[in-house]
Amino acid sequence: MLDSELRTDESWRLVEAKGKVNLSLRIFPRGPDGYHPIETVFCRIDLADRVRIRVSDEPGVSIRVSGPETAPANLENLAARAATLFLELGGTPAGVEIELEKHIPPGSGLGGGSSDAAAVLRALAAAVEARPSREETLALASRLGADVTFFAADTPLAIAWGRGERILACQGLAPRPMLLVLPDVAISTAEAYAHWDERQTAERTRGVEPRLRSDSDVSSWEVVSSAAVNDFEPVIFGLRPDLRLVREALSETQPLIALLSGSGSALFAVYESERQRDEAAAELTDVIEGARLVSARGPV
């Protein structure tokens, strides 16, 4: 039984696909394999998509998308790609039907598509008789993207290195209220990395040593906040000065942490209490334009 499973409705399996924020994100120069190694702290949050899966004797993968947010309703959707990969490597079942209810904005850096894909992998792994091991499921996830591996590991908090395939689950942080700022804009991760490369080539200065080595590095919010950084911020804020202003406005509300999540466009702040979070939201309502403010919580 999946930890995040909600219920089984006849032949359908329904799961939540929770989003994430990055409490820290460092990027290193592109390696020989063409990928940028990273060092990050993934924190799962309670903003979630809903994914329904049904295995079928009919060959192939189908996907339907509904909800307030958009996503491709075709085989390019990462959830559909996850199902296709599972079928290609596992051999059973013959086909998969996916119904995806989107609540996490695409291109926001909150990992919605990756979480959807991981939910599909874990649901299918639980649905077939020849159930793949956790290690096999994570290996499949790593072929789909760094964030997918974290979500497939089904842990609320983790440090990740490399391409995100090296995961260390952590237990140190109690859940805290969060405020998400969701601008009405999507940012391509591939383009963000391309601009990061241009900036690093121009500056020619970059440390390459990881700093996070064990769960003691995320043992408390004080420890995490002291090392909170997102290497995408200088790049994205250069392209979108309006997001820089949002970050500055968030920081003025005295949160524990205020950062861009992933490559953006979403920003988040972590607070000690719901009262502080709600006061910050009220304060920012008339200050931040062109974005939604959403209450959240994590790690969960």
C-alpha atoms as a PDB file:
ATOM      1  CA  MET A   1       0.000   0.000   0.000  1.00  0.00           C
ATOM      2  CA  LEU A   2       1.379   3.409  -0.930  1.00  0.00           C
ATOM      3  CA  ASP A   3       1.980   5.832   1.922  1.00  0.00           C
ATOM      4  CA  SER A   4       0.186   8.623   0.042  1.00  0.00           C
ATOM      5  CA  GLU A   5      -2.674   6.510  -1.325  1.00  0.00           C
ATOM      6  CA  LEU A   6      -6.135   7.931  -0.650  1.00  0.00           C
ATOM      7  CA  ARG A   7      -8.389   5.043  -1.612  1.00  0.00           C
ATOM      8  CA  THR A   8      -9.069   2.330  -4.173  1.00  0.00           C
ATOM      9  CA  ASP A   9     -12.282   2.891  -6.154  1.00  0.00           C
ATOM     10  CA  GLU A  10     -13.159  -0.348  -7.938  1.00  0.00           C
ATOM     11  CA  SER A  11     -10.464  -0.734 -10.624  1.00  0.00           C
ATOM     12  CA  TRP A  12      -9.101   2.792 -10.183  1.00  0.00           C
ATOM     13  CA  ARG A  13      -6.262   3.716  -7.841  1.00  0.00           C
ATOM     14  CA  LEU A  14      -6.311   7.311  -6.579  1.00  0.00           C
ATOM     15  CA  VAL A  15      -3.182   9.023  -5.207  1.00  0.00           C
ATOM     16  CA  GLU A  16      -2.091  12.508  -4.261  1.00  0.00           C
ATOM     17  CA  ALA A  17       0.912  13.910  -6.112  1.00  0.00           C
ATOM     18  CA  LYS A  18       2.273  16.497  -3.686  1.00  0.00           C
ATOM     19  CA  GLY A  19       4.463  19.381  -4.794  1.00  0.00           C
ATOM     20  CA  LYS A  20       7.804  20.507  -3.371  1.00  0.00           C
ATOM     21  CA  VAL A  21       9.948  23.509  -2.652  1.00  0.00           C
ATOM     22  CA  ASN A  22      13.735  23.609  -2.624  1.00  0.00           C
ATOM     23  CA  LEU A  23      14.997  24.799   0.757  1.00  0.00           C
ATOM     24  CA  SER A  24      18.415  25.037  -0.861  1.00  0.00           C
ATOM     25  CA  LEU A  25      19.581  24.552  -4.457  1.00  0.00           C
ATOM     26  CA  ARG A  26      23.158  24.731  -5.680  1.00  0.00           C
ATOM     27  CA  ILE A  27      24.110  24.116  -9.305  1.00  0.00           C
ATOM     28  CA  PHE A  28      27.486  22.954 -10.580  1.00  0.00           C
ATOM     29  CA  PRO A  29      29.016  23.183 -14.077  1.00  0.00           C
ATOM     30  CA  ARG A  30      27.749  20.827 -16.751  1.00  0.00           C
ATOM     31  CA  GLY A  31      29.472  17.438 -16.631  1.00  0.00           C
ATOM     32  CA  PRO A  32      30.682  15.173 -19.461  1.00  0.00           C
ATOM     33  CA  ASP A  33      27.223  13.586 -19.602  1.00  0.00           C
ATOM     34  CA  GLY A  34      25.706  16.968 -20.507  1.00  0.00           C
ATOM     35  CA  TYR A  35      23.868  17.383 -17.202  1.00  0.00           C
ATOM     36  CA  HIS A  36      24.400  19.849 -14.359  1.00  0.00           C
ATOM     37  CA  PRO A  37      25.080  18.193 -11.004  1.00  0.00           C
ATOM     38  CA  ILE A  38      23.035  19.719  -8.209  1.00  0.00           C
ATOM     39  CA  GLU A  39      22.913  19.753  -4.451  1.00  0.00           C
ATOM     40  CA  THR A  40      19.470  20.446  -3.042  1.00  0.00           C
ATOM     41  CA  VAL A  41      17.143  20.038  -0.092  1.00  0.00           C
ATOM     42  CA  PHE A  42      13.747  18.835  -1.298  1.00  0.00           C
ATOM     43  CA  CYS A  43      10.786  19.610   0.960  1.00  0.00           C
ATOM     44  CA  ARG A  44       7.431  18.073   0.059  1.00  0.00           C
ATOM     45  CA  ILE A  45       4.393  20.332   0.551  1.00  0.00           C
ATOM     46  CA  ASP A  46       0.661  19.760   0.783  1.00  0.00           C
ATOM     47  CA  LEU A  47      -0.290  21.517  -2.476  1.00  0.00           C
ATOM     48  CA  ALA A  48      -1.064  18.497  -4.643  1.00  0.00           C
ATOM     49  CA  ASP A  49      -2.347  17.174  -7.935  1.00  0.00           C
ATOM     50  CA  ARG A  50      -4.652  14.155  -7.918  1.00  0.00           C
ATOM     51  CA  VAL A  51      -3.802  11.169 -10.097  1.00  0.00           C
ATOM     52  CA  ARG A  52      -6.114   8.257 -10.888  1.00  0.00           C
ATOM     53  CA  ILE A  53      -4.659   5.113 -12.475  1.00  0.00           C
ATOM     54  CA  ARG A  54      -6.288   2.049 -13.959  1.00  0.00           C
ATOM     55  CA  VAL A  55      -4.418  -0.848 -15.524  1.00  0.00           C
ATOM     56  CA  SER A  56      -5.922  -2.284 -18.679  1.00  0.00           C
ATOM     57  CA  ASP A  57      -5.645  -5.242 -21.011  1.00  0.00           C
ATOM     58  CA  GLU A  58      -5.860  -2.800 -23.914  1.00  0.00           C
ATOM     59  CA  PRO A  59      -2.343  -1.877 -25.095  1.00  0.00           C
ATOM     60  CA  GLY A  60      -1.050   1.654 -24.772  1.00  0.00           C
ATOM     61  CA  VAL A  61      -1.302   4.679 -22.492  1.00  0.00           C
ATOM     62  CA  SER A  62      -4.110   7.232 -22.401  1.00  0.00           C
ATOM     63  CA  ILE A  63      -4.330  10.389 -20.288  1.00  0.00           C
ATOM     64  CA  ARG A  64      -7.069  12.891 -19.498  1.00  0.00           C
ATOM     65  CA  VAL A  65      -6.376  16.199 -17.759  1.00  0.00           C
ATOM     66  CA  SER A  66      -8.760  18.377 -15.757  1.00  0.00           C
ATOM     67  CA  GLY A  67      -8.561  20.912 -12.939  1.00  0.00           C
ATOM     68  CA  PRO A  68      -7.686  24.593 -12.571  1.00  0.00           C
ATOM     69  CA  GLU A  69      -4.167  24.202 -14.005  1.00  0.00           C
ATOM     70  CA  THR A  70      -3.159  23.011 -17.471  1.00  0.00           C
ATOM     71  CA  ALA A  71      -0.904  20.220 -18.687  1.00  0.00           C
ATOM     72  CA  PRO A  72      -0.487  18.347 -21.997  1.00  0.00           C
ATOM     73  CA  ALA A  73      -3.228  15.772 -22.462  1.00  0.00           C
ATOM     74  CA  ASN A  74      -1.020  13.579 -24.643  1.00  0.00           C
ATOM     75  CA  LEU A  75       1.918  11.204 -24.424  1.00  0.00           C
ATOM     76  CA  GLU A  76       4.324  14.133 -23.933  1.00  0.00           C
ATOM     77  CA  ASN A  77       2.917  14.574 -20.438  1.00  0.00           C
ATOM     78  CA  LEU A  78       5.525  13.341 -17.966  1.00  0.00           C
ATOM     79  CA  ALA A  79       2.945  11.152 -16.214  1.00  0.00           C
ATOM     80  CA  ALA A  80       2.176   9.434 -19.521  1.00  0.00           C
ATOM     81  CA  ARG A  81       5.880   9.082 -20.253  1.00  0.00           C
ATOM     82  CA  ALA A  82       6.327   7.411 -16.863  1.00  0.00           C
ATOM     83  CA  ALA A  83       3.584   4.904 -17.654  1.00  0.00           C
ATOM     84  CA  THR A  84       5.064   4.240 -21.101  1.00  0.00           C
ATOM     85  CA  LEU A  85       8.498   3.618 -19.604  1.00  0.00           C
ATOM     86  CA  PHE A  86       7.032   1.283 -16.990  1.00  0.00           C
ATOM     87  CA  LEU A  87       5.240  -0.725 -19.669  1.00  0.00           C
ATOM     88  CA  GLU A  88       8.312  -0.905 -21.892  1.00  0.00           C
ATOM     89  CA  LEU A  89      10.559  -2.218 -19.152  1.00  0.00           C
ATOM     90  CA  GLY A  90       8.092  -4.201 -17.073  1.00  0.00           C
ATOM     91  CA  GLY A  91       6.048  -5.948 -19.737  1.00  0.00           C
ATOM     92  CA  THR A  92       2.820  -5.891 -17.686  1.00  0.00           C
ATOM     93  CA  PRO A  93       0.155  -4.628 -17.639  1.00  0.00           C
ATOM     94  CA  ALA A  94      -0.648  -4.178 -21.331  1.00  0.00           C
ATOM     95  CA  GLY A  95      -2.016  -0.654 -20.916  1.00  0.00           C
ATOM     96  CA  VAL A  96      -2.661   2.189 -18.488  1.00  0.00           C
ATOM     97  CA  GLU A  97      -5.373   4.825 -18.196  1.00  0.00           C
ATOM     98  CA  ILE A  98      -4.477   8.045 -16.359  1.00  0.00           C
ATOM     99  CA  GLU A  99      -6.795  10.778 -15.109  1.00  0.00           C
ATOM    100  CA  LEU A 100      -4.894  13.831 -13.897  1.00  0.00           C
ATOM    101  CA  GLU A 101      -6.477  16.649 -11.889  1.00  0.00           C
ATOM    102  CA  LYS A 102      -3.992  19.553 -11.945  1.00  0.00           C
ATOM    103  CA  HIS A 103      -3.620  21.979  -9.041  1.00  0.00           C
ATOM    104  CA  ILE A 104       0.141  22.665  -9.202  1.00  0.00           C
ATOM    105  CA  PRO A 105       0.988  25.263 -11.870  1.00  0.00           C
ATOM    106  CA  PRO A 106       3.320  24.049 -14.635  1.00  0.00           C
ATOM    107  CA  GLY A 107       6.623  25.877 -14.956  1.00  0.00           C
ATOM    108  CA  SER A 108       6.426  27.009 -11.326  1.00  0.00           C
ATOM    109  CA  GLY A 109       9.371  25.073  -9.885  1.00  0.00           C
ATOM    110  CA  LEU A 110       7.028  23.206  -7.526  1.00  0.00           C
ATOM    111  CA  GLY A 111       7.566  19.839  -9.213  1.00  0.00           C
ATOM    112  CA  GLY A 112       3.986  19.103 -10.240  1.00  0.00           C
ATOM    113  CA  GLY A 113       4.795  17.198 -13.413  1.00  0.00           C
ATOM    114  CA  SER A 114       7.561  15.245 -11.715  1.00  0.00           C
ATOM    115  CA  SER A 115       5.294  14.344  -8.808  1.00  0.00           C
ATOM    116  CA  ASP A 116       2.600  13.190 -11.233  1.00  0.00           C
ATOM    117  CA  ALA A 117       5.137  10.924 -12.945  1.00  0.00           C
ATOM    118  CA  ALA A 118       6.352   9.492  -9.648  1.00  0.00           C
ATOM    119  CA  ALA A 119       2.763   8.875  -8.525  1.00  0.00           C
ATOM    120  CA  VAL A 120       2.170   6.884 -11.707  1.00  0.00           C
ATOM    121  CA  LEU A 121       5.322   4.801 -11.192  1.00  0.00           C
ATOM    122  CA  ARG A 122       4.512   4.011  -7.583  1.00  0.00           C
ATOM    123  CA  ALA A 123       0.874   3.270  -8.308  1.00  0.00           C
ATOM    124  CA  LEU A 124       1.783   0.894 -11.128  1.00  0.00           C
ATOM    125  CA  ALA A 125       4.468  -0.773  -9.013  1.00  0.00           C
ATOM    126  CA  ALA A 126       1.820  -1.463  -6.370  1.00  0.00           C
ATOM    127  CA  ALA A 127      -0.772  -2.629  -8.918  1.00  0.00           C
ATOM    128  CA  VAL A 128       1.138  -5.394 -10.720  1.00  0.00           C
ATOM    129  CA  GLU A 129       1.792  -8.889  -9.419  1.00  0.00           C
ATOM    130  CA  ALA A 130       5.492  -8.863 -10.297  1.00  0.00           C
ATOM    131  CA  ARG A 131       6.040  -5.790  -8.145  1.00  0.00           C
ATOM    132  CA  PRO A 132       9.374  -4.036  -8.822  1.00  0.00           C
ATOM    133  CA  SER A 133      11.568  -3.279  -5.846  1.00  0.00           C
ATOM    134  CA  ARG A 134      11.959   0.223  -4.440  1.00  0.00           C
ATOM    135  CA  GLU A 135      15.419   0.395  -6.017  1.00  0.00           C
ATOM    136  CA  GLU A 136      14.042  -0.585  -9.424  1.00  0.00           C
ATOM    137  CA  THR A 137      11.285   2.026  -9.147  1.00  0.00           C
ATOM    138  CA  LEU A 138      13.811   4.724  -8.245  1.00  0.00           C
ATOM    139  CA  ALA A 139      15.984   3.692 -11.183  1.00  0.00           C
ATOM    140  CA  LEU A 140      13.019   4.198 -13.507  1.00  0.00           C
ATOM    141  CA  ALA A 141      12.314   7.555 -11.892  1.00  0.00           C
ATOM    142  CA  SER A 142      15.893   8.737 -12.391  1.00  0.00           C
ATOM    143  CA  ARG A 143      15.461   8.303 -16.148  1.00  0.00           C
ATOM    144  CA  LEU A 144      12.630  10.835 -16.109  1.00  0.00           C
ATOM    145  CA  GLY A 145      14.250  13.638 -14.107  1.00  0.00           C
ATOM    146  CA  ALA A 146      15.900  14.698 -10.865  1.00  0.00           C
ATOM    147  CA  ASP A 147      12.681  15.722  -9.130  1.00  0.00           C
ATOM    148  CA  VAL A 148      10.960  12.467 -10.125  1.00  0.00           C
ATOM    149  CA  THR A 149      13.454  10.456  -8.091  1.00  0.00           C
ATOM    150  CA  PHE A 150      12.677  12.463  -4.959  1.00  0.00           C
ATOM    151  CA  PHE A 151       8.928  12.033  -5.333  1.00  0.00           C
ATOM    152  CA  ALA A 152       9.290   8.320  -6.122  1.00  0.00           C
ATOM    153  CA  ALA A 153      11.240   7.895  -2.878  1.00  0.00           C
ATOM    154  CA  ASP A 154       8.041   9.004  -1.074  1.00  0.00           C
ATOM    155  CA  THR A 155       9.793  10.895   1.707  1.00  0.00           C
ATOM    156  CA  PRO A 156       8.787  14.352   2.983  1.00  0.00           C
ATOM    157  CA  LEU A 157      12.334  15.720   3.192  1.00  0.00           C
ATOM    158  CA  ALA A 158      15.585  14.748   1.498  1.00  0.00           C
ATOM    159  CA  ILE A 159      18.995  15.936   0.420  1.00  0.00           C
ATOM    160  CA  ALA A 160      19.814  15.089  -3.192  1.00  0.00           C
ATOM    161  CA  TRP A 161      23.050  15.191  -5.160  1.00  0.00           C
ATOM    162  CA  GLY A 162      24.263  14.527  -8.692  1.00  0.00           C
ATOM    163  CA  ARG A 163      21.378  14.452 -11.152  1.00  0.00           C
ATOM    164  CA  GLY A 164      19.061  14.037  -8.171  1.00  0.00           C
ATOM    165  CA  GLU A 165      19.420  10.273  -8.201  1.00  0.00           C
ATOM    166  CA  ARG A 166      21.417  10.230  -4.947  1.00  0.00           C
ATOM    167  CA  ILE A 167      18.813  10.696  -2.223  1.00  0.00           C
ATOM    168  CA  LEU A 168      19.218  10.903   1.535  1.00  0.00           C
ATOM    169  CA  ALA A 169      15.905  10.913   3.403  1.00  0.00           C
ATOM    170  CA  CYS A 170      15.963  13.235   6.426  1.00  0.00           C
ATOM    171  CA  GLN A 171      13.790  13.528   9.528  1.00  0.00           C
ATOM    172  CA  GLY A 172      14.965  16.690  11.261  1.00  0.00           C
ATOM    173  CA  LEU A 173      12.376  19.324  10.356  1.00  0.00           C
ATOM    174  CA  ALA A 174       8.928  19.721  11.884  1.00  0.00           C
ATOM    175  CA  PRO A 175       6.262  20.946   9.418  1.00  0.00           C
ATOM    176  CA  ARG A 176       5.912  24.715   9.200  1.00  0.00           C
ATOM    177  CA  PRO A 177       3.342  27.014   7.561  1.00  0.00           C
ATOM    178  CA  MET A 178       4.339  28.346   4.162  1.00  0.00           C
ATOM    179  CA  LEU A 179       3.156  31.054   1.827  1.00  0.00           C
ATOM    180  CA  LEU A 180       3.463  30.339  -1.884  1.00  0.00           C
ATOM    181  CA  VAL A 181       3.488  33.134  -4.451  1.00  0.00           C
ATOM    182  CA  LEU A 182       2.352  31.788  -7.830  1.00  0.00           C
ATOM    183  CA  PRO A 183       2.942  34.294 -10.646  1.00  0.00           C
ATOM    184  CA  ASP A 184       0.951  33.923 -13.836  1.00  0.00           C
ATOM    185  CA  VAL A 185       4.042  32.904 -15.793  1.00  0.00           C
ATOM    186  CA  ALA A 186       5.841  29.637 -16.524  1.00  0.00           C
ATOM    187  CA  ILE A 187       9.618  29.319 -16.662  1.00  0.00           C
ATOM    188  CA  SER A 188      11.327  26.596 -18.674  1.00  0.00           C
ATOM    189  CA  THR A 189      13.930  24.732 -16.631  1.00  0.00           C
ATOM    190  CA  ALA A 190      15.983  24.046 -19.767  1.00  0.00           C
ATOM    191  CA  GLU A 191      16.085  27.754 -20.605  1.00  0.00           C
ATOM    192  CA  ALA A 192      16.969  28.600 -17.008  1.00  0.00           C
ATOM    193  CA  TYR A 193      19.971  26.263 -17.168  1.00  0.00           C
ATOM    194  CA  ALA A 194      21.016  27.759 -20.516  1.00  0.00           C
ATOM    195  CA  HIS A 195      21.014  31.251 -19.004  1.00  0.00           C
ATOM    196  CA  TRP A 196      22.872  29.928 -15.939  1.00  0.00           C
ATOM    197  CA  ASP A 197      25.579  28.556 -18.257  1.00  0.00           C
ATOM    198  CA  GLU A 198      25.905  31.922 -19.991  1.00  0.00           C
ATOM    199  CA  ARG A 199      26.260  33.720 -16.678  1.00  0.00           C
ATOM    200  CA  GLN A 200      28.881  31.304 -15.351  1.00  0.00           C
ATOM    201  CA  THR A 201      30.910  31.530 -18.579  1.00  0.00           C
ATOM    202  CA  ALA A 202      30.936  35.301 -18.251  1.00  0.00           C
ATOM    203  CA  GLU A 203      31.890  35.332 -14.577  1.00  0.00           C
ATOM    204  CA  ARG A 204      34.232  32.316 -14.675  1.00  0.00           C
ATOM    205  CA  THR A 205      33.915  31.857 -10.936  1.00  0.00           C
ATOM    206  CA  ARG A 206      32.240  28.863  -9.420  1.00  0.00           C
ATOM    207  CA  GLY A 207      32.864  26.697  -6.381  1.00  0.00           C
ATOM    208  CA  VAL A 208      32.317  22.992  -6.996  1.00  0.00           C
ATOM    209  CA  GLU A 209      32.368  21.432  -3.539  1.00  0.00           C
ATOM    210  CA  PRO A 210      29.073  20.160  -2.051  1.00  0.00           C
ATOM    211  CA  ARG A 211      28.278  21.489   1.425  1.00  0.00           C
ATOM    212  CA  LEU A 212      25.511  19.134   2.559  1.00  0.00           C
ATOM    213  CA  ARG A 213      26.796  15.765   3.710  1.00  0.00           C
ATOM    214  CA  SER A 214      24.349  14.288   6.239  1.00  0.00           C
ATOM    215  CA  ASP A 215      20.932  14.754   7.808  1.00  0.00           C
ATOM    216  CA  SER A 216      22.586  16.864  10.516  1.00  0.00           C
ATOM    217  CA  ASP A 217      22.804  19.588   7.859  1.00  0.00           C
ATOM    218  CA  VAL A 218      18.988  19.814   7.925  1.00  0.00           C
ATOM    219  CA  SER A 219      18.515  19.108  11.629  1.00  0.00           C
ATOM    220  CA  SER A 220      16.550  22.296  12.370  1.00  0.00           C
ATOM    221  CA  TRP A 221      14.969  25.244  10.614  1.00  0.00           C
ATOM    222  CA  GLU A 222      17.703  27.462  12.037  1.00  0.00           C
ATOM    223  CA  VAL A 223      20.380  25.296  10.420  1.00  0.00           C
ATOM    224  CA  VAL A 224      18.512  25.139   7.125  1.00  0.00           C
ATOM    225  CA  SER A 225      17.807  28.875   6.989  1.00  0.00           C
ATOM    226  CA  SER A 226      21.471  29.698   7.575  1.00  0.00           C
ATOM    227  CA  ALA A 227      22.408  27.829   4.386  1.00  0.00           C
ATOM    228  CA  ALA A 228      19.333  28.600   2.285  1.00  0.00           C
ATOM    229  CA  VAL A 229      20.308  29.609  -1.249  1.00  0.00           C
ATOM    230  CA  ASN A 230      19.028  29.122  -4.779  1.00  0.00           C
ATOM    231  CA  ASP A 231      21.631  29.475  -7.524  1.00  0.00           C
ATOM    232  CA  PHE A 232      18.901  30.138 -10.072  1.00  0.00           C
ATOM    233  CA  GLU A 233      17.881  33.394  -8.379  1.00  0.00           C
ATOM    234  CA  PRO A 234      20.504  35.715  -9.955  1.00  0.00           C
ATOM    235  CA  VAL A 235      19.674  34.289 -13.382  1.00  0.00           C
ATOM    236  CA  ILE A 236      15.888  34.337 -13.098  1.00  0.00           C
ATOM    237  CA  PHE A 237      15.799  37.713 -11.357  1.00  0.00           C
ATOM    238  CA  GLY A 238      17.927  39.138 -14.159  1.00  0.00           C
ATOM    239  CA  LEU A 239      15.346  37.942 -16.660  1.00  0.00           C
ATOM    240  CA  ARG A 240      12.336  38.776 -14.477  1.00  0.00           C
ATOM    241  CA  PRO A 241      13.006  41.768 -12.187  1.00  0.00           C
ATOM    242  CA  ASP A 242       9.383  41.550 -11.019  1.00  0.00           C
ATOM    243  CA  LEU A 243      10.188  38.238  -9.318  1.00  0.00           C
ATOM    244  CA  ARG A 244      13.090  39.865  -7.522  1.00  0.00           C
ATOM    245  CA  LEU A 245      10.664  42.429  -6.120  1.00  0.00           C
ATOM    246  CA  VAL A 246       8.390  39.623  -4.920  1.00  0.00           C
ATOM    247  CA  ARG A 247      11.331  37.932  -3.209  1.00  0.00           C
ATOM    248  CA  GLU A 248      12.226  41.212  -1.481  1.00  0.00           C
ATOM    249  CA  ALA A 249       8.631  41.705  -0.352  1.00  0.00           C
ATOM    250  CA  LEU A 250       8.527  38.186   1.075  1.00  0.00           C
ATOM    251  CA  SER A 251      11.806  38.723   2.927  1.00  0.00           C
ATOM    252  CA  GLU A 252      10.400  41.823   4.606  1.00  0.00           C
ATOM    253  CA  THR A 253       7.700  39.731   6.336  1.00  0.00           C
ATOM    254  CA  GLN A 254      10.381  38.139   8.572  1.00  0.00           C
ATOM    255  CA  PRO A 255      10.092  34.512   7.466  1.00  0.00           C
ATOM    256  CA  LEU A 256      12.488  31.739   8.392  1.00  0.00           C
ATOM    257  CA  ILE A 257      13.294  31.316   4.701  1.00  0.00           C
ATOM    258  CA  ALA A 258      12.227  33.149   1.532  1.00  0.00           C
ATOM    259  CA  LEU A 259      13.407  31.774  -1.820  1.00  0.00           C
ATOM    260  CA  LEU A 260      12.616  31.037  -5.412  1.00  0.00           C
ATOM    261  CA  SER A 261      11.675  27.349  -5.738  1.00  0.00           C
ATOM    262  CA  GLY A 262      13.651  25.420  -8.331  1.00  0.00           C
ATOM    263  CA  SER A 263      13.989  27.486 -11.502  1.00  0.00           C
ATOM    264  CA  GLY A 264      10.776  29.356 -10.612  1.00  0.00           C
ATOM    265  CA  SER A 265       8.448  31.006 -11.235  1.00  0.00           C
ATOM    266  CA  ALA A 266       6.989  30.250  -7.784  1.00  0.00           C
ATOM    267  CA  LEU A 267       8.460  31.797  -4.657  1.00  0.00           C
ATOM    268  CA  PHE A 268       7.839  30.694  -1.096  1.00  0.00           C
ATOM    269  CA  ALA A 269       8.351  31.756   2.494  1.00  0.00           C
ATOM    270  CA  VAL A 270       8.408  29.595   5.635  1.00  0.00           C
ATOM    271  CA  TYR A 271       7.020  30.910   8.938  1.00  0.00           C
ATOM    272  CA  GLU A 272       7.102  29.882  12.577  1.00  0.00           C
ATOM    273  CA  SER A 273       3.314  30.013  12.948  1.00  0.00           C
ATOM    274  CA  GLU A 274       0.120  30.162  10.938  1.00  0.00           C
ATOM    275  CA  ARG A 275      -0.597  33.552  12.463  1.00  0.00           C
ATOM    276  CA  GLN A 276       2.664  34.952  11.075  1.00  0.00           C
ATOM    277  CA  ARG A 277       1.949  33.374   7.695  1.00  0.00           C
ATOM    278  CA  ASP A 278      -1.579  34.778   7.564  1.00  0.00           C
ATOM    279  CA  GLU A 279      -0.401  38.244   8.621  1.00  0.00           C
ATOM    280  CA  ALA A 280       2.205  38.135   5.860  1.00  0.00           C
ATOM    281  CA  ALA A 281      -0.422  37.130   3.321  1.00  0.00           C
ATOM    282  CA  ALA A 282      -2.661  40.010   4.370  1.00  0.00           C
ATOM    283  CA  GLU A 283       0.256  42.419   4.169  1.00  0.00           C
ATOM    284  CA  LEU A 284       1.273  41.234   0.692  1.00  0.00           C
ATOM    285  CA  THR A 285      -2.179  41.046  -0.876  1.00  0.00           C
ATOM    286  CA  ASP A 286      -2.088  44.666  -2.031  1.00  0.00           C
ATOM    287  CA  VAL A 287       1.655  44.672  -2.712  1.00  0.00           C
ATOM    288  CA  ILE A 288       2.087  41.727  -5.070  1.00  0.00           C
ATOM    289  CA  GLU A 289       0.270  41.998  -8.382  1.00  0.00           C
ATOM    290  CA  GLY A 290      -0.208  39.381 -11.076  1.00  0.00           C
ATOM    291  CA  ALA A 291       0.251  36.449  -8.701  1.00  0.00           C
ATOM    292  CA  ARG A 292      -1.781  34.226  -6.398  1.00  0.00           C
ATOM    293  CA  LEU A 293      -0.971  33.762  -2.736  1.00  0.00           C
ATOM    294  CA  VAL A 294      -1.525  30.179  -1.550  1.00  0.00           C
ATOM    295  CA  SER A 295      -1.149  28.821   1.967  1.00  0.00           C
ATOM    296  CA  ALA A 296       0.767  25.559   2.260  1.00  0.00           C
ATOM    297  CA  ARG A 297       2.670  23.441   4.755  1.00  0.00           C
ATOM    298  CA  GLY A 298       5.774  21.293   4.711  1.00  0.00           C
ATOM    299  CA  PRO A 299       7.510  18.997   4.980  1.00  0.00           C
ATOM    300  CA  VAL A 300       4.543  16.608   4.791  1.00  0.00           C
END
